[in-house]
Protein backbone atom coordinates (compact mmCIF):
# COMPACT_ATOMS: atom_id res chain seq x y z
CA UNK A 1 -49.33 83.42 73.89
CA UNK A 2 -51.28 84.97 71.03
CA UNK A 3 -54.96 85.04 72.47
CA UNK A 4 -56.02 84.05 68.89
CA UNK A 5 -54.47 80.78 69.38
CA UNK A 6 -54.83 77.82 71.99
CA UNK A 7 -51.41 76.33 72.90
CA UNK A 8 -52.81 74.41 75.87
CA UNK A 9 -54.27 71.32 75.99
CA UNK A 10 -58.15 71.25 76.02
CA UNK A 11 -60.63 68.99 77.42
CA UNK A 12 -64.02 68.55 75.88
CA UNK A 13 -66.67 65.93 76.73
CA UNK A 14 -68.52 66.56 73.59
CA UNK A 15 -68.56 67.40 70.12
CA UNK A 16 -71.09 70.01 68.74
CA UNK A 17 -72.02 69.97 64.67
CA UNK A 18 -73.80 73.21 64.12
CA UNK A 19 -75.35 73.42 60.28
CA UNK A 20 -77.55 76.08 58.31
CA UNK A 21 -80.77 73.26 58.52
CA UNK A 22 -83.57 72.71 55.60
CA UNK A 23 -86.87 71.54 55.26
CA UNK A 24 -87.73 68.13 54.90
CA UNK A 25 -91.57 68.33 53.42
CA UNK A 26 -93.89 70.92 51.77
CA UNK A 27 -95.30 72.09 55.06
CA UNK A 28 -91.54 72.78 56.38
CA UNK A 29 -90.70 75.34 53.57
CA UNK A 30 -92.47 78.76 54.95
CA UNK A 31 -91.40 78.41 58.44
CA UNK A 32 -88.18 77.43 57.33
CA UNK A 33 -88.22 80.74 55.27
CA UNK A 34 -89.38 82.95 57.98
CA UNK A 35 -86.40 81.45 60.00
CA UNK A 36 -84.04 82.24 57.32
CA UNK A 37 -85.20 86.01 56.33
CA UNK A 38 -85.76 86.75 59.99
CA UNK A 39 -85.36 90.64 60.75
CA UNK A 40 -84.92 91.02 56.59
CA UNK A 41 -87.60 93.43 55.05
CA UNK A 42 -88.51 90.78 52.24
CA UNK A 43 -91.46 90.95 50.38
CA UNK A 44 -94.11 88.00 50.15
CA UNK A 45 -94.03 87.82 46.53
CA UNK A 46 -90.06 87.19 46.88
CA UNK A 47 -90.51 84.96 49.94
CA UNK A 48 -93.08 83.02 47.58
CA UNK A 49 -90.53 82.82 44.73
CA UNK A 50 -87.68 81.13 47.23
CA UNK A 51 -90.45 78.84 48.33
CA UNK A 52 -91.22 77.52 44.54
CA UNK A 53 -87.87 76.76 44.38
CA UNK A 54 -87.95 74.18 47.25
CA UNK A 55 -91.45 73.06 46.34
CA UNK A 56 -89.70 72.00 42.89
CA UNK A 57 -88.14 68.91 44.66
CA UNK A 58 -91.00 68.54 47.48
CA UNK A 59 -90.31 71.08 49.79
CA UNK A 60 -87.20 68.99 50.58
CA UNK A 61 -83.27 70.06 50.66
CA UNK A 62 -80.90 67.56 51.07
CA UNK A 63 -78.78 69.27 53.70
CA UNK A 64 -80.55 67.65 56.58
CA UNK A 65 -79.77 63.99 55.23
CA UNK A 66 -76.32 64.97 54.30
CA UNK A 67 -75.72 66.30 58.00
CA UNK A 68 -76.93 63.20 59.21
CA UNK A 69 -74.69 60.87 56.87
CA UNK A 70 -71.58 63.38 58.23
CA UNK A 71 -72.11 63.03 61.78
CA UNK A 72 -72.68 59.44 61.58
CA UNK A 73 -69.03 59.27 59.66
CA UNK A 74 -67.75 61.71 62.05
CA UNK A 75 -68.72 59.42 65.05
CA UNK A 76 -67.20 56.01 63.63
CA UNK A 77 -64.10 58.01 62.88
CA UNK A 78 -63.86 58.90 66.60
CA UNK A 79 -64.91 55.38 67.63
CA UNK A 80 -62.18 53.88 65.91
CA UNK A 81 -59.47 56.72 66.32
CA UNK A 82 -60.50 58.71 69.55
CA UNK A 83 -61.16 60.63 71.30
CA UNK A 84 -64.53 59.45 72.48
CA UNK A 85 -66.66 61.84 72.64
CA UNK A 86 -70.71 62.04 71.85
CA UNK A 87 -71.67 64.20 68.83
CA UNK A 88 -74.98 66.45 69.34
CA UNK A 89 -76.38 68.42 66.56
CA UNK A 90 -78.31 71.60 66.30
CA UNK A 91 -79.40 73.83 63.30
CA UNK A 92 -79.58 77.50 62.74
CA UNK A 93 -82.77 77.60 61.00
CA UNK A 94 -84.77 74.43 61.18
CA UNK A 95 -85.03 71.03 63.29
CA UNK A 96 -82.68 70.04 65.31
CA UNK A 97 -82.91 73.70 66.50
CA UNK A 98 -79.61 75.02 68.34
CA UNK A 99 -81.11 76.39 71.35
CA UNK A 100 -83.16 72.99 71.86
CA UNK A 101 -79.64 70.93 71.51
CA UNK A 102 -77.93 73.39 73.97
CA UNK A 103 -80.64 72.51 76.44
CA UNK A 104 -80.19 68.93 75.65
CA UNK A 105 -76.44 68.83 76.22
CA UNK A 106 -76.94 70.90 79.40
CA UNK A 107 -79.64 68.15 80.72
CA UNK A 108 -77.06 65.48 79.71
CA UNK A 109 -74.28 67.24 82.03
CA UNK A 110 -72.08 68.39 79.19
CA UNK A 111 -69.79 70.87 80.82
CA UNK A 112 -67.14 71.74 77.48
CA UNK A 113 -68.04 71.38 74.21
CA UNK A 114 -66.30 71.83 71.04
CA UNK A 115 -68.33 72.66 68.13
CA UNK A 116 -67.45 72.42 64.47
CA UNK A 117 -69.90 74.94 61.84
CA UNK A 118 -70.12 73.40 58.66
CA UNK A 119 -68.25 75.62 56.65
CA UNK A 120 -64.51 76.03 56.04
CA UNK A 121 -64.37 79.66 54.67
CA UNK A 122 -64.57 82.71 56.89
CA UNK A 123 -67.30 85.23 56.27
CA UNK A 124 -70.06 86.74 58.07
CA UNK A 125 -72.61 84.02 56.96
CA UNK A 126 -70.13 81.21 57.37
CA UNK A 127 -68.61 82.24 61.09
CA UNK A 128 -69.87 85.20 62.70
CA UNK A 129 -73.63 84.28 62.24
CA UNK A 130 -73.10 81.05 63.83
CA UNK A 131 -71.17 82.71 66.69
CA UNK A 132 -74.26 84.89 67.09
CA UNK A 133 -76.73 82.07 66.95
CA UNK A 134 -74.33 80.06 69.41
CA UNK A 135 -74.68 83.10 72.03
CA UNK A 136 -77.99 83.43 71.47
CA UNK A 137 -78.79 80.12 71.81
CA UNK A 138 -77.35 79.80 75.74
CA UNK A 139 -79.06 82.36 76.98
CA UNK A 140 -81.44 81.48 79.72
CA UNK A 141 -79.90 78.12 79.86
CA UNK A 142 -78.41 77.78 83.47
CA UNK A 143 -75.07 75.84 83.55
CA UNK A 144 -75.10 75.93 79.75
CA UNK A 145 -72.12 74.46 78.45
CA UNK A 146 -68.66 76.21 77.72
CA UNK A 147 -68.15 76.08 73.92
CA UNK A 148 -65.01 76.59 71.77
CA UNK A 149 -64.93 76.34 67.97
CA UNK A 150 -62.68 74.23 65.51
CA UNK A 151 -60.49 76.46 63.33
CA UNK A 152 -61.52 77.15 59.61
CA UNK A 153 -60.05 74.02 57.68
CA UNK A 154 -60.26 75.90 54.22
CA UNK A 155 -56.55 75.01 53.52
CA UNK A 156 -55.96 71.84 55.62
CA UNK A 157 -54.55 68.87 53.50
CA UNK A 158 -57.67 66.95 54.32
CA UNK A 159 -59.71 69.38 52.66
CA UNK A 160 -57.84 70.02 49.51
CA UNK A 161 -57.29 65.99 49.30
CA UNK A 162 -61.29 65.56 49.48
CA UNK A 163 -62.07 68.44 46.99
CA UNK A 164 -59.45 66.94 44.50
CA UNK A 165 -60.66 63.91 44.78
CA UNK A 166 -64.40 64.54 44.12
CA UNK A 167 -62.99 66.20 40.91
CA UNK A 168 -61.51 63.23 39.94
CA UNK A 169 -64.51 61.08 40.39
CA UNK A 170 -66.21 63.35 38.04
CA UNK A 171 -63.98 62.76 35.46
CA UNK A 172 -63.78 58.87 35.89
CA UNK A 173 -66.06 58.74 32.50
CA UNK A 174 -63.11 60.72 30.60
CA UNK A 175 -59.82 60.70 32.57
CA UNK A 176 -58.39 62.95 29.64
CA UNK A 177 -61.34 65.36 29.77
CA UNK A 178 -59.14 67.43 32.63
CA UNK A 179 -56.55 68.59 29.71
CA UNK A 180 -59.40 69.90 27.64
CA UNK A 181 -61.44 71.79 30.39
CA UNK A 182 -61.62 74.64 32.19
CA UNK A 183 -62.68 74.23 36.08
CA UNK A 184 -65.36 76.41 37.43
CA UNK A 185 -64.92 76.53 40.95
CA UNK A 186 -68.07 77.91 42.71
CA UNK A 187 -69.02 79.64 45.98
CA UNK A 188 -71.84 81.65 47.54
CA UNK A 189 -71.82 85.04 46.53
CA UNK A 190 -71.73 87.70 49.07
CA UNK A 191 -72.83 91.26 49.26
CA UNK A 192 -69.46 93.49 48.65
CA UNK A 193 -69.81 95.22 52.02
CA UNK A 194 -69.82 91.95 53.66
CA UNK A 195 -66.91 90.43 51.60
CA UNK A 196 -64.98 93.26 52.26
CA UNK A 197 -64.80 92.15 56.33
CA UNK A 198 -63.61 88.71 55.88
CA UNK A 199 -60.77 86.64 54.50
CA UNK A 200 -63.08 85.11 52.04
CA UNK A 201 -62.07 85.74 48.40
CA UNK A 202 -58.54 85.12 49.45
CA UNK A 203 -59.03 81.92 51.02
CA UNK A 204 -61.16 80.81 48.16
CA UNK A 205 -58.80 81.94 45.48
CA UNK A 206 -55.93 80.02 47.81
CA UNK A 207 -57.97 76.78 47.67
CA UNK A 208 -58.80 76.92 44.14
CA UNK A 209 -55.02 77.29 43.39
CA UNK A 210 -54.33 74.24 45.64
CA UNK A 211 -57.19 71.89 44.10
CA UNK A 212 -55.66 73.37 40.34
CA UNK A 213 -52.03 72.28 41.46
CA UNK A 214 -53.16 68.92 42.51
CA UNK A 215 -55.06 68.41 39.54
CA UNK A 216 -52.41 69.52 37.44
CA UNK A 217 -54.06 72.68 35.63
CA UNK A 218 -53.95 76.17 35.56
CA UNK A 219 -57.32 76.09 33.33
CA UNK A 220 -59.51 77.51 36.37
CA UNK A 221 -61.61 80.08 37.33
CA UNK A 222 -63.58 81.23 40.73
CA UNK A 223 -67.11 81.84 40.15
CA UNK A 224 -70.04 82.47 42.42
CA UNK A 225 -73.53 81.58 42.60
CA UNK A 226 -76.79 82.26 44.51
CA UNK A 227 -76.56 86.22 43.95
CA UNK A 228 -79.07 88.08 45.85
CA UNK A 229 -78.32 91.16 44.14
CA UNK A 230 -81.69 92.20 43.58
CA UNK A 231 -82.13 92.73 47.48
CA UNK A 232 -80.39 96.27 46.85
CA UNK A 233 -76.41 96.42 46.76
CA UNK A 234 -73.75 94.42 44.26
CA UNK A 235 -72.54 90.99 45.26
CA UNK A 236 -69.63 89.11 44.41
CA UNK A 237 -68.98 88.59 40.88
CA UNK A 238 -68.55 86.64 38.11
CA UNK A 239 -71.94 85.11 38.47
CA UNK A 240 -71.46 80.90 37.00
CA UNK A 241 -73.78 81.64 34.36
CA UNK A 242 -72.00 84.73 32.70
CA UNK A 243 -68.67 83.03 33.33
CA UNK A 244 -70.28 79.85 31.26
CA UNK A 245 -70.62 82.33 28.29
CA UNK A 246 -67.14 83.45 28.55
CA UNK A 247 -66.35 79.82 27.98
CA UNK A 248 -68.23 79.44 25.05
CA UNK A 249 -66.63 82.54 23.64
CA UNK A 250 -63.13 81.40 24.12
CA UNK A 251 -64.08 78.50 21.83
CA UNK A 252 -63.81 75.70 24.93
CA UNK A 253 -66.32 72.78 25.06
CA UNK A 254 -65.65 71.14 28.46
CA UNK A 255 -66.38 72.71 31.58
CA UNK A 256 -66.12 71.20 34.88
CA UNK A 257 -68.02 72.80 37.70
CA UNK A 258 -66.58 72.40 41.39
CA UNK A 259 -68.78 73.61 44.31
CA UNK A 260 -65.57 74.28 46.57
CA UNK A 261 -67.52 76.72 48.92
CA UNK A 262 -69.82 74.16 50.23
CA UNK A 263 -69.21 71.01 52.13
CA UNK A 264 -72.49 69.23 51.57
CA UNK A 265 -75.10 69.53 48.87
CA UNK A 266 -78.24 71.68 49.75
CA UNK A 267 -81.00 73.46 47.65
CA UNK A 268 -78.57 76.02 46.36
CA UNK A 269 -76.55 73.74 44.99
CA UNK A 270 -78.79 71.42 43.33
CA UNK A 271 -80.84 74.42 41.93
CA UNK A 272 -78.08 76.31 40.66
CA UNK A 273 -75.68 73.75 39.38
CA UNK A 274 -77.63 70.94 38.50
CA UNK A 275 -80.40 72.72 37.10
CA UNK A 276 -79.96 76.03 36.18
CA UNK A 277 -76.29 75.78 35.32
CA UNK A 278 -77.29 72.87 33.53
CA UNK A 279 -79.76 74.28 31.40
CA UNK A 280 -77.25 77.04 30.40
CA UNK A 281 -74.85 74.19 29.52
CA UNK A 282 -77.13 72.89 27.22
CA UNK A 283 -78.24 76.18 25.63
CA UNK A 284 -74.57 76.91 24.81
CA UNK A 285 -73.56 73.48 23.84
CA UNK A 286 -71.14 72.76 26.27
CA UNK A 287 -70.28 69.53 27.78
CA UNK A 288 -70.45 69.52 31.38
CA UNK A 289 -69.22 67.43 34.49
CA UNK A 290 -70.47 68.55 38.06
CA UNK A 291 -67.97 67.27 41.13
CA UNK A 292 -69.68 66.43 44.18
CA UNK A 293 -69.19 68.21 47.48
CA UNK A 294 -66.77 66.90 49.96
CA UNK A 295 -69.95 65.24 52.01
CA UNK A 296 -68.55 62.23 53.80
CA UNK A 297 -65.25 61.73 51.87
CA UNK A 298 -62.80 60.08 54.17
CA UNK A 299 -60.26 62.95 54.38
CA UNK A 300 -62.65 65.35 55.40
CA UNK A 301 -64.01 63.64 57.88
CA UNK A 302 -60.79 62.94 59.05
CA UNK A 303 -59.93 66.46 58.74
CA UNK A 304 -62.54 67.29 61.61
CA UNK A 305 -61.19 64.65 63.83
CA UNK A 306 -57.48 65.92 63.67
CA UNK A 307 -58.96 69.17 64.53
CA UNK A 308 -60.58 68.17 67.29
CA UNK A 309 -57.62 66.03 68.82
CA UNK A 310 -55.60 69.26 67.66
CA UNK A 311 -57.42 71.75 70.28
CA UNK A 312 -57.21 68.82 73.02
CA UNK A 313 -53.46 68.63 72.50
CA UNK A 314 -50.63 71.03 73.95
CA UNK A 315 -48.51 73.01 71.57
CA UNK A 316 -50.22 71.20 68.88
CA UNK A 317 -48.56 71.34 65.24
CA UNK A 318 -51.42 72.64 62.67
CA UNK A 319 -51.29 71.13 59.54
CA UNK A 320 -52.19 73.69 56.50
CA UNK A 321 -51.25 73.96 52.49
CA UNK A 322 -50.29 77.23 50.70
CA UNK A 323 -48.98 80.56 51.48
CA UNK A 324 -51.81 81.60 54.33
CA UNK A 325 -51.21 79.78 57.43
CA UNK A 326 -53.36 77.86 59.73
CA UNK A 327 -56.57 79.61 60.54
CA UNK A 328 -56.58 81.11 64.26
CA UNK A 329 -58.30 79.15 67.11
CA UNK A 330 -60.38 82.25 68.39
CA UNK A 331 -62.13 84.85 66.24
CA UNK A 332 -60.80 88.48 66.44
CA UNK A 333 -63.13 91.08 67.60
CA UNK A 334 -63.48 92.34 64.06
CA UNK A 335 -63.67 88.94 62.50
CA UNK A 336 -66.31 88.38 59.87
CA UNK A 337 -68.28 91.55 60.24
CA UNK A 338 -71.95 91.77 58.41
CA UNK A 339 -70.97 95.23 56.60
CA UNK A 340 -73.87 96.67 58.27
CA UNK A 341 -73.45 99.92 60.40
CA UNK A 342 -74.02 99.56 64.06
CA UNK A 343 -72.15 97.64 66.64
CA UNK A 344 -71.95 94.00 65.71
CA UNK A 345 -74.18 91.43 67.76
CA UNK A 346 -72.45 89.44 70.60
CA UNK A 347 -71.05 86.37 70.12
CA UNK A 348 -69.30 83.15 71.30
CA UNK A 349 -66.05 81.66 71.15
CA UNK A 350 -64.16 85.11 70.02
CA UNK A 351 -60.88 86.15 71.41
CA UNK A 352 -60.04 86.34 74.79
CA UNK A 353 -60.00 90.06 75.87
């Protein structure tokens, strides 16, 4: 058996949802940013500029509210269809912090947990960094639970269905708009050095193509948002605002923006798309529809339950669409490196060696 696949049935006594976290009030913003930017040499003026983005919305990011809604939906899905497992929640950067959640799980007697990281694409930020967080979180906890991580679900039929439905929902006021529109699928930009260490771009292209096929259109482009190239090195392009200018130059009038790289709304989605991209669209005289993130779409929630059942079954049937095949259950040793020099940090949920 490949050490990257788990074909034996696993028993779990809990599900752990791991997310990025976000501030829930003005007083949370700077402490939250301290956590996000820990270890980075970010000037105070830059941090203050980022803080203003949050204060524009009362210092509240929607991500925690969205994560709570997802957990409630998953709990309902598990209650109805099984397996009957409690769901815990730990964040990287804000309450409830992951180490505190792992201590609570240990106190509750949890021995084996399966974790779902709220990201469906492979990158350092969306995969390995969370695995490093999990490693750090269990340090110093006696009898901490054993943790496995669900495989990436980017090309799972449930995710494709959910994204496709979100696009259709955005177009409901004008169902013929898809025939006359350019779809701009957006994902978080990454430093080129980081992107080269993961299958991020390949996976994104695959999913965009699958959703385009489901919608019956080839008029789409993968673009990027949240480009922080001012921090020192080139990042993935094209930026969404540059792409909007190209749409205008080509004589198109309608654009549909699909945040395919995100499973729920958070501050960057709101600001980059609903505010800044909308301002750009208005300045260019374009018509814009913005698809929602998958959030609590039933097909997406059911996908997560299916991935749990998959790992608890012997010789499971792994569902996937496209040409890339099902992603692996365990991450390879060189999976999703940061692109920075030096040895990678220790992490959990990797290949058995």
